[in-house]
Amino acid sequence: MLRTIILGSCVSVQGILEKSLPDGRIAVRVGNQVFTGNPVAA
């Protein structure tokens, strides 16, 4: 599933959902890098 996360005040990343973390953040994979951040509301 493709998801978008916010990394800072104006940086967003879109990638494949890897996992959901207990604090509400999610991890997404872009190529062979994994980014963790807050999900963007639909």
PDB file of N, CA and C in Angstrom:
ATOM      1  N   MET A   1       0.848  -1.164   0.000  1.00  0.00           N
ATOM      2  CA  MET A   1       0.000   0.000   0.000  1.00  0.00           C
ATOM      3  C   MET A   1       0.901   1.236   0.000  1.00  0.00           C
ATOM      4  N   LEU A   2       0.619   2.177  -0.849  1.00  0.00           N
ATOM      5  CA  LEU A   2       1.377   3.421  -0.954  1.00  0.00           C
ATOM      6  C   LEU A   2       0.877   4.413   0.092  1.00  0.00           C
ATOM      7  N   ARG A   3       1.782   4.969   0.895  1.00  0.00           N
ATOM      8  CA  ARG A   3       1.416   5.923   1.949  1.00  0.00           C
ATOM      9  C   ARG A   3       2.328   7.127   1.893  1.00  0.00           C
ATOM     10  N   THR A   4       1.852   8.258   2.426  1.00  0.00           N
ATOM     11  CA  THR A   4       2.623   9.498   2.484  1.00  0.00           C
ATOM     12  C   THR A   4       2.822   9.871   3.942  1.00  0.00           C
ATOM     13  N   ILE A   5       4.062  10.293   4.268  1.00  0.00           N
ATOM     14  CA  ILE A   5       4.371  10.728   5.634  1.00  0.00           C
ATOM     15  C   ILE A   5       4.995  12.113   5.593  1.00  0.00           C
ATOM     16  N   ILE A   6       4.921  12.803   6.730  1.00  0.00           N
ATOM     17  CA  ILE A   6       5.551  14.114   6.902  1.00  0.00           C
ATOM     18  C   ILE A   6       6.792  13.924   7.769  1.00  0.00           C
ATOM     19  N   LEU A   7       7.942  14.416   7.287  1.00  0.00           N
ATOM     20  CA  LEU A   7       9.196  14.292   8.033  1.00  0.00           C
ATOM     21  C   LEU A   7       9.550  15.554   8.808  1.00  0.00           C
ATOM     22  N   GLY A   8       9.082  16.677   8.372  1.00  0.00           N
ATOM     23  CA  GLY A   8       9.384  17.940   9.043  1.00  0.00           C
ATOM     24  C   GLY A   8       8.241  18.893   8.810  1.00  0.00           C
ATOM     25  N   SER A   9       8.539  20.173   8.784  1.00  0.00           N
ATOM     26  CA  SER A   9       7.474  21.154   8.573  1.00  0.00           C
ATOM     27  C   SER A   9       7.024  21.200   7.114  1.00  0.00           C
ATOM     28  N   CYS A  10       7.907  20.822   6.182  1.00  0.00           N
ATOM     29  CA  CYS A  10       7.516  20.927   4.770  1.00  0.00           C
ATOM     30  C   CYS A  10       8.068  19.796   3.901  1.00  0.00           C
ATOM     31  N   VAL A  11       8.585  18.727   4.502  1.00  0.00           N
ATOM     32  CA  VAL A  11       9.137  17.608   3.732  1.00  0.00           C
ATOM     33  C   VAL A  11       8.205  16.410   3.862  1.00  0.00           C
ATOM     34  N   SER A  12       7.754  15.893   2.723  1.00  0.00           N
ATOM     35  CA  SER A  12       6.921  14.698   2.734  1.00  0.00           C
ATOM     36  C   SER A  12       7.561  13.627   1.868  1.00  0.00           C
ATOM     37  N   VAL A  13       7.286  12.365   2.210  1.00  0.00           N
ATOM     38  CA  VAL A  13       7.839  11.213   1.503  1.00  0.00           C
ATOM     39  C   VAL A  13       6.697  10.258   1.210  1.00  0.00           C
ATOM     40  N   GLN A  14       6.685   9.708   0.006  1.00  0.00           N
ATOM     41  CA  GLN A  14       5.665   8.738  -0.375  1.00  0.00           C
ATOM     42  C   GLN A  14       6.353   7.425  -0.711  1.00  0.00           C
ATOM     43  N   GLY A  15       5.868   6.336  -0.125  1.00  0.00           N
ATOM     44  CA  GLY A  15       6.481   5.040  -0.366  1.00  0.00           C
ATOM     45  C   GLY A  15       5.588   3.901   0.083  1.00  0.00           C
ATOM     46  N   ILE A  16       6.144   2.700   0.018  1.00  0.00           N
ATOM     47  CA  ILE A  16       5.425   1.481   0.385  1.00  0.00           C
ATOM     48  C   ILE A  16       5.408   1.354   1.910  1.00  0.00           C
ATOM     49  N   LEU A  17       4.224   1.078   2.465  1.00  0.00           N
ATOM     50  CA  LEU A  17       4.077   0.934   3.914  1.00  0.00           C
ATOM     51  C   LEU A  17       4.885  -0.264   4.401  1.00  0.00           C
ATOM     52  N   GLU A  18       5.755  -0.041   5.374  1.00  0.00           N
ATOM     53  CA  GLU A  18       6.563  -1.102   5.984  1.00  0.00           C
ATOM     54  C   GLU A  18       5.920  -1.585   7.279  1.00  0.00           C
ATOM     55  N   LYS A  19       5.683  -0.639   8.227  1.00  0.00           N
ATOM     56  CA  LYS A  19       5.087  -1.019   9.507  1.00  0.00           C
ATOM     57  C   LYS A  19       4.522   0.204  10.205  1.00  0.00           C
ATOM     58  N   SER A  20       3.615  -0.046  11.129  1.00  0.00           N
ATOM     59  CA  SER A  20       3.054   0.997  11.987  1.00  0.00           C
ATOM     60  C   SER A  20       3.735   0.906  13.346  1.00  0.00           C
ATOM     61  N   LEU A  21       4.085   2.042  13.904  1.00  0.00           N
ATOM     62  CA  LEU A  21       4.762   2.077  15.196  1.00  0.00           C
ATOM     63  C   LEU A  21       3.758   2.377  16.306  1.00  0.00           C
ATOM     64  N   PRO A  22       4.043   1.970  17.544  1.00  0.00           N
ATOM     65  CA  PRO A  22       3.099   2.169  18.648  1.00  0.00           C
ATOM     66  C   PRO A  22       2.786   3.632  18.959  1.00  0.00           C
ATOM     67  N   ASP A  23       3.681   4.559  18.592  1.00  0.00           N
ATOM     68  CA  ASP A  23       3.451   5.976  18.891  1.00  0.00           C
ATOM     69  C   ASP A  23       2.638   6.698  17.815  1.00  0.00           C
ATOM     70  N   GLY A  24       2.118   5.962  16.819  1.00  0.00           N
ATOM     71  CA  GLY A  24       1.277   6.567  15.789  1.00  0.00           C
ATOM     72  C   GLY A  24       1.999   6.866  14.493  1.00  0.00           C
ATOM     73  N   ARG A  25       3.325   6.815  14.497  1.00  0.00           N
ATOM     74  CA  ARG A  25       4.080   7.052  13.272  1.00  0.00           C
ATOM     75  C   ARG A  25       4.072   5.783  12.420  1.00  0.00           C
ATOM     76  N   ILE A  26       4.429   5.921  11.148  1.00  0.00           N
ATOM     77  CA  ILE A  26       4.548   4.770  10.266  1.00  0.00           C
ATOM     78  C   ILE A  26       5.890   4.830   9.548  1.00  0.00           C
ATOM     79  N   ALA A  27       6.340   3.678   9.075  1.00  0.00           N
ATOM     80  CA  ALA A  27       7.582   3.578   8.319  1.00  0.00           C
ATOM     81  C   ALA A  27       7.230   3.222   6.878  1.00  0.00           C
ATOM     82  N   VAL A  28       7.846   3.922   5.918  1.00  0.00           N
ATOM     83  CA  VAL A  28       7.634   3.641   4.501  1.00  0.00           C
ATOM     84  C   VAL A  28       8.985   3.369   3.843  1.00  0.00           C
ATOM     85  N   ARG A  29       8.964   2.514   2.824  1.00  0.00           N
ATOM     86  CA  ARG A  29      10.178   2.160   2.091  1.00  0.00           C
ATOM     87  C   ARG A  29      10.178   2.849   0.735  1.00  0.00           C
ATOM     88  N   VAL A  30      11.310   3.501   0.428  1.00  0.00           N
ATOM     89  CA  VAL A  30      11.528   4.125  -0.878  1.00  0.00           C
ATOM     90  C   VAL A  30      12.839   3.544  -1.399  1.00  0.00           C
ATOM     91  N   GLY A  31      12.744   2.647  -2.368  1.00  0.00           N
ATOM     92  CA  GLY A  31      13.938   1.945  -2.831  1.00  0.00           C
ATOM     93  C   GLY A  31      14.433   1.047  -1.717  1.00  0.00           C
ATOM     94  N   ASN A  32      15.689   1.244  -1.280  1.00  0.00           N
ATOM     95  CA  ASN A  32      16.176   0.456  -0.147  1.00  0.00           C
ATOM     96  C   ASN A  32      16.382   1.311   1.096  1.00  0.00           C
ATOM     97  N   GLN A  33      15.715   2.461   1.168  1.00  0.00           N
ATOM     98  CA  GLN A  33      15.748   3.306   2.363  1.00  0.00           C
ATOM     99  C   GLN A  33      14.381   3.265   3.044  1.00  0.00           C
ATOM    100  N   VAL A  34      14.385   3.309   4.361  1.00  0.00           N
ATOM    101  CA  VAL A  34      13.151   3.327   5.146  1.00  0.00           C
ATOM    102  C   VAL A  34      13.084   4.651   5.896  1.00  0.00           C
ATOM    103  N   PHE A  35      11.969   5.357   5.748  1.00  0.00           N
ATOM    104  CA  PHE A  35      11.738   6.642   6.421  1.00  0.00           C
ATOM    105  C   PHE A  35      10.601   6.469   7.417  1.00  0.00           C
ATOM    106  N   THR A  36      10.713   7.154   8.548  1.00  0.00           N
ATOM    107  CA  THR A  36       9.686   7.090   9.597  1.00  0.00           C
ATOM    108  C   THR A  36       9.167   8.504   9.843  1.00  0.00           C
ATOM    109  N   GLY A  37       7.827   8.636   9.906  1.00  0.00           N
ATOM    110  CA  GLY A  37       7.237   9.935  10.157  1.00  0.00           C
ATOM    111  C   GLY A  37       5.748   9.824  10.449  1.00  0.00           C
ATOM    112  N   ASN A  38       5.106  10.974  10.560  1.00  0.00           N
ATOM    113  CA  ASN A  38       3.676  11.024  10.834  1.00  0.00           C
ATOM    114  C   ASN A  38       2.890  10.877   9.544  1.00  0.00           C
ATOM    115  N   PRO A  39       1.843  10.039   9.524  1.00  0.00           N
ATOM    116  CA  PRO A  39       1.064   9.857   8.303  1.00  0.00           C
ATOM    117  C   PRO A  39       0.251  11.107   7.958  1.00  0.00           C
ATOM    118  N   VAL A  40       0.038  11.311   6.664  1.00  0.00           N
ATOM    119  CA  VAL A  40      -0.786  12.414   6.178  1.00  0.00           C
ATOM    120  C   VAL A  40      -2.238  11.957   6.198  1.00  0.00           C
ATOM    121  N   ALA A  41      -3.138  12.782   6.745  1.00  0.00           N
ATOM    122  CA  ALA A  41      -4.556  12.440   6.784  1.00  0.00           C
ATOM    123  C   ALA A  41      -5.151  12.471   5.381  1.00  0.00           C
ATOM    124  N   ALA A  42      -6.056  11.568   5.115  1.00  0.00           N
ATOM    125  CA  ALA A  42      -6.694  11.491   3.786  1.00  0.00           C
ATOM    126  C   ALA A  42      -7.668  12.621   3.577  1.00  0.00           C
TER     127      ALA A  42
END
